[in-house]
């Protein structure tokens, strides 16, 4: 389910809505999309999780490189 953070540009009020509630909210005539900032919280969460996984992959690659270097040095000498 997609979650959104909707902030009014003038009054700075914030709403946390899911997809269905967002469709109803902007379906009315008084709420125009250009008066609000819309942030997709589900996408933001996915991006944050992907950055963490990228960092873990880099650290694991570095650790594997160091360990393989130590193994090569141990076997040669």
N, C-alpha and C. Protein backbone atom coordinates (compact mmCIF):
# COMPACT_ATOMS: atom_id res chain seq x y z
N UNK A 1 0.84 -1.17 0.00
CA UNK A 1 0.00 0.00 0.00
C UNK A 1 0.89 1.24 0.00
N UNK A 2 0.57 2.16 -0.84
CA UNK A 2 1.35 3.38 -0.97
C UNK A 2 0.87 4.42 0.04
N UNK A 3 1.82 5.01 0.76
CA UNK A 3 1.51 6.05 1.73
C UNK A 3 2.10 7.38 1.26
N UNK A 4 1.38 8.46 1.54
CA UNK A 4 1.79 9.78 1.11
C UNK A 4 1.82 10.74 2.29
N UNK A 5 2.73 11.70 2.23
CA UNK A 5 2.75 12.83 3.15
C UNK A 5 2.39 14.06 2.32
N UNK A 6 1.28 14.69 2.65
CA UNK A 6 0.78 15.82 1.88
C UNK A 6 0.83 17.05 2.77
N UNK A 7 1.53 18.11 2.31
CA UNK A 7 1.68 19.33 3.08
C UNK A 7 1.09 20.50 2.29
N UNK A 8 0.26 21.27 2.95
CA UNK A 8 -0.32 22.46 2.34
C UNK A 8 0.77 23.53 2.27
N UNK A 9 0.95 24.15 1.12
CA UNK A 9 2.01 25.13 0.94
C UNK A 9 1.76 26.43 1.70
N UNK A 10 0.51 26.79 1.88
CA UNK A 10 0.18 28.05 2.55
C UNK A 10 0.10 27.91 4.06
N UNK A 11 -0.68 26.96 4.54
CA UNK A 11 -0.90 26.84 5.99
C UNK A 11 0.05 25.86 6.66
N UNK A 12 0.85 25.13 5.90
CA UNK A 12 1.83 24.17 6.41
C UNK A 12 1.20 23.03 7.21
N UNK A 13 -0.06 22.74 6.98
CA UNK A 13 -0.67 21.58 7.63
C UNK A 13 -0.25 20.32 6.89
N UNK A 14 -0.08 19.23 7.64
CA UNK A 14 0.42 17.99 7.08
C UNK A 14 -0.62 16.89 7.24
N UNK A 15 -0.80 16.11 6.19
CA UNK A 15 -1.71 14.97 6.20
C UNK A 15 -0.92 13.73 5.81
N UNK A 16 -1.18 12.62 6.49
CA UNK A 16 -0.60 11.33 6.14
C UNK A 16 -1.73 10.45 5.62
N UNK A 17 -1.71 10.15 4.32
CA UNK A 17 -2.81 9.43 3.68
C UNK A 17 -2.29 8.25 2.88
N UNK A 18 -3.13 7.22 2.75
CA UNK A 18 -2.78 6.13 1.83
C UNK A 18 -3.33 6.48 0.45
N UNK A 19 -3.19 5.58 -0.49
CA UNK A 19 -3.54 5.88 -1.89
C UNK A 19 -5.03 6.20 -2.04
N UNK A 20 -5.90 5.40 -1.43
CA UNK A 20 -7.33 5.61 -1.59
C UNK A 20 -7.75 6.94 -0.96
N UNK A 21 -7.24 7.23 0.22
CA UNK A 21 -7.57 8.49 0.88
C UNK A 21 -7.06 9.69 0.08
N UNK A 22 -5.91 9.53 -0.54
CA UNK A 22 -5.34 10.60 -1.36
C UNK A 22 -6.22 10.88 -2.58
N UNK A 23 -6.73 9.82 -3.20
CA UNK A 23 -7.62 9.99 -4.35
C UNK A 23 -8.89 10.74 -3.93
N UNK A 24 -9.43 10.40 -2.78
CA UNK A 24 -10.63 11.08 -2.28
C UNK A 24 -10.31 12.53 -1.93
N UNK A 25 -9.16 12.75 -1.30
CA UNK A 25 -8.75 14.09 -0.87
C UNK A 25 -8.62 15.04 -2.05
N UNK A 26 -7.99 14.58 -3.13
CA UNK A 26 -7.81 15.43 -4.30
C UNK A 26 -8.98 15.34 -5.27
N UNK A 27 -9.94 14.48 -4.98
CA UNK A 27 -11.13 14.39 -5.82
C UNK A 27 -12.08 15.55 -5.61
N UNK A 28 -12.01 16.15 -4.43
CA UNK A 28 -12.90 17.28 -4.16
C UNK A 28 -12.41 18.52 -4.91
N UNK A 29 -13.30 19.44 -5.17
CA UNK A 29 -12.95 20.62 -5.98
C UNK A 29 -12.09 21.62 -5.22
N UNK A 30 -12.18 21.65 -3.90
CA UNK A 30 -11.44 22.67 -3.14
C UNK A 30 -9.96 22.33 -2.98
N UNK A 31 -9.59 21.07 -3.16
CA UNK A 31 -8.20 20.65 -3.01
C UNK A 31 -7.56 20.50 -4.39
N UNK A 32 -6.71 21.45 -4.74
CA UNK A 32 -6.01 21.38 -6.01
C UNK A 32 -4.58 20.91 -5.75
N UNK A 33 -4.06 20.09 -6.65
CA UNK A 33 -2.75 19.47 -6.48
C UNK A 33 -1.65 20.52 -6.38
N UNK A 34 -1.75 21.63 -7.09
CA UNK A 34 -0.68 22.63 -7.09
C UNK A 34 -0.56 23.37 -5.77
N UNK A 35 -1.55 23.26 -4.87
CA UNK A 35 -1.48 23.91 -3.56
C UNK A 35 -0.80 23.04 -2.50
N UNK A 36 -0.38 21.83 -2.88
CA UNK A 36 0.17 20.88 -1.90
C UNK A 36 1.50 20.30 -2.38
N UNK A 37 2.37 20.00 -1.41
CA UNK A 37 3.57 19.21 -1.68
C UNK A 37 3.25 17.76 -1.36
N UNK A 38 3.50 16.87 -2.30
CA UNK A 38 3.17 15.46 -2.12
C UNK A 38 4.47 14.66 -2.10
N UNK A 39 4.69 13.90 -1.02
CA UNK A 39 5.87 13.06 -0.88
C UNK A 39 5.40 11.62 -0.74
N UNK A 40 5.93 10.74 -1.57
CA UNK A 40 5.60 9.32 -1.51
C UNK A 40 6.46 8.68 -0.44
N UNK A 41 5.88 8.37 0.72
CA UNK A 41 6.64 7.81 1.84
C UNK A 41 7.11 6.39 1.57
N UNK A 42 6.35 5.63 0.80
CA UNK A 42 6.73 4.27 0.47
C UNK A 42 8.00 4.26 -0.38
N UNK A 43 8.08 5.18 -1.33
CA UNK A 43 9.27 5.28 -2.18
C UNK A 43 10.48 5.76 -1.37
N UNK A 44 10.26 6.72 -0.46
CA UNK A 44 11.34 7.22 0.38
C UNK A 44 11.90 6.10 1.26
N UNK A 45 11.03 5.26 1.78
CA UNK A 45 11.45 4.13 2.62
C UNK A 45 12.26 3.13 1.79
N UNK A 46 11.82 2.88 0.55
CA UNK A 46 12.53 1.96 -0.33
C UNK A 46 13.92 2.49 -0.67
N UNK A 47 14.02 3.77 -0.95
CA UNK A 47 15.32 4.37 -1.28
C UNK A 47 16.26 4.29 -0.09
N UNK A 48 15.76 4.55 1.11
CA UNK A 48 16.59 4.48 2.32
C UNK A 48 17.09 3.06 2.54
N UNK A 49 16.20 2.07 2.38
CA UNK A 49 16.59 0.67 2.57
C UNK A 49 17.63 0.25 1.52
N UNK A 50 17.49 0.70 0.28
CA UNK A 50 18.45 0.36 -0.76
C UNK A 50 19.82 0.96 -0.48
N UNK A 51 19.87 2.18 0.07
CA UNK A 51 21.15 2.79 0.43
C UNK A 51 21.84 2.00 1.52
N UNK A 52 21.08 1.53 2.50
CA UNK A 52 21.66 0.72 3.58
C UNK A 52 22.21 -0.58 3.02
N UNK A 53 21.45 -1.23 2.13
CA UNK A 53 21.91 -2.49 1.53
C UNK A 53 23.15 -2.27 0.66
N UNK A 54 23.22 -1.15 -0.04
CA UNK A 54 24.42 -0.84 -0.83
C UNK A 54 25.64 -0.71 0.07
N UNK A 55 25.48 -0.03 1.20
CA UNK A 55 26.60 0.13 2.13
C UNK A 55 27.04 -1.20 2.71
N UNK A 56 26.09 -2.08 3.02
CA UNK A 56 26.43 -3.40 3.53
C UNK A 56 27.18 -4.20 2.48
N UNK A 57 26.77 -4.11 1.22
CA UNK A 57 27.44 -4.83 0.14
C UNK A 57 28.87 -4.33 -0.04
N UNK A 58 29.09 -3.03 0.06
CA UNK A 58 30.45 -2.47 -0.09
C UNK A 58 31.34 -2.94 1.05
N UNK A 59 30.81 -2.92 2.29
CA UNK A 59 31.60 -3.37 3.44
C UNK A 59 31.93 -4.86 3.32
N UNK A 60 30.98 -5.67 2.87
CA UNK A 60 31.23 -7.11 2.70
C UNK A 60 32.28 -7.35 1.61
N UNK A 61 32.21 -6.61 0.54
CA UNK A 61 33.20 -6.76 -0.53
C UNK A 61 34.59 -6.38 -0.03
N UNK A 62 34.69 -5.29 0.73
CA UNK A 62 35.97 -4.87 1.29
C UNK A 62 36.51 -5.92 2.25
N UNK A 63 35.64 -6.46 3.10
CA UNK A 63 36.07 -7.49 4.05
C UNK A 63 36.53 -8.75 3.32
N UNK A 64 35.83 -9.15 2.27
CA UNK A 64 36.23 -10.33 1.51
C UNK A 64 37.58 -10.11 0.83
N UNK A 65 37.81 -8.90 0.34
CA UNK A 65 39.09 -8.59 -0.28
C UNK A 65 40.23 -8.67 0.73
N UNK A 66 40.04 -8.11 1.90
CA UNK A 66 41.06 -8.14 2.95
C UNK A 66 41.32 -9.57 3.39
N UNK A 67 40.26 -10.33 3.61
CA UNK A 67 40.43 -11.72 4.05
C UNK A 67 41.11 -12.58 2.99
N UNK A 68 40.78 -12.38 1.72
CA UNK A 68 41.44 -13.16 0.67
C UNK A 68 42.91 -12.77 0.55
N UNK A 69 43.24 -11.50 0.76
CA UNK A 69 44.64 -11.07 0.74
C UNK A 69 45.40 -11.72 1.88
N UNK A 70 44.82 -11.75 3.04
CA UNK A 70 45.47 -12.40 4.20
C UNK A 70 45.65 -13.88 3.94
N UNK A 71 44.65 -14.55 3.35
CA UNK A 71 44.76 -15.97 3.03
C UNK A 71 45.88 -16.23 2.03
N UNK A 72 46.02 -15.39 1.01
CA UNK A 72 47.08 -15.54 0.01
C UNK A 72 48.44 -15.37 0.66
N UNK A 73 48.57 -14.37 1.53
CA UNK A 73 49.84 -14.14 2.22
C UNK A 73 50.18 -15.31 3.12
N UNK A 74 49.21 -15.87 3.82
CA UNK A 74 49.45 -17.01 4.71
C UNK A 74 49.90 -18.24 3.92
N UNK A 75 49.33 -18.48 2.77
CA UNK A 75 49.67 -19.66 1.98
C UNK A 75 51.03 -19.54 1.31
N UNK A 76 51.43 -18.34 0.93
CA UNK A 76 52.69 -18.14 0.22
C UNK A 76 53.89 -18.17 1.18
N UNK A 77 53.72 -17.72 2.41
CA UNK A 77 54.86 -17.59 3.30
C UNK A 77 54.78 -18.54 4.44
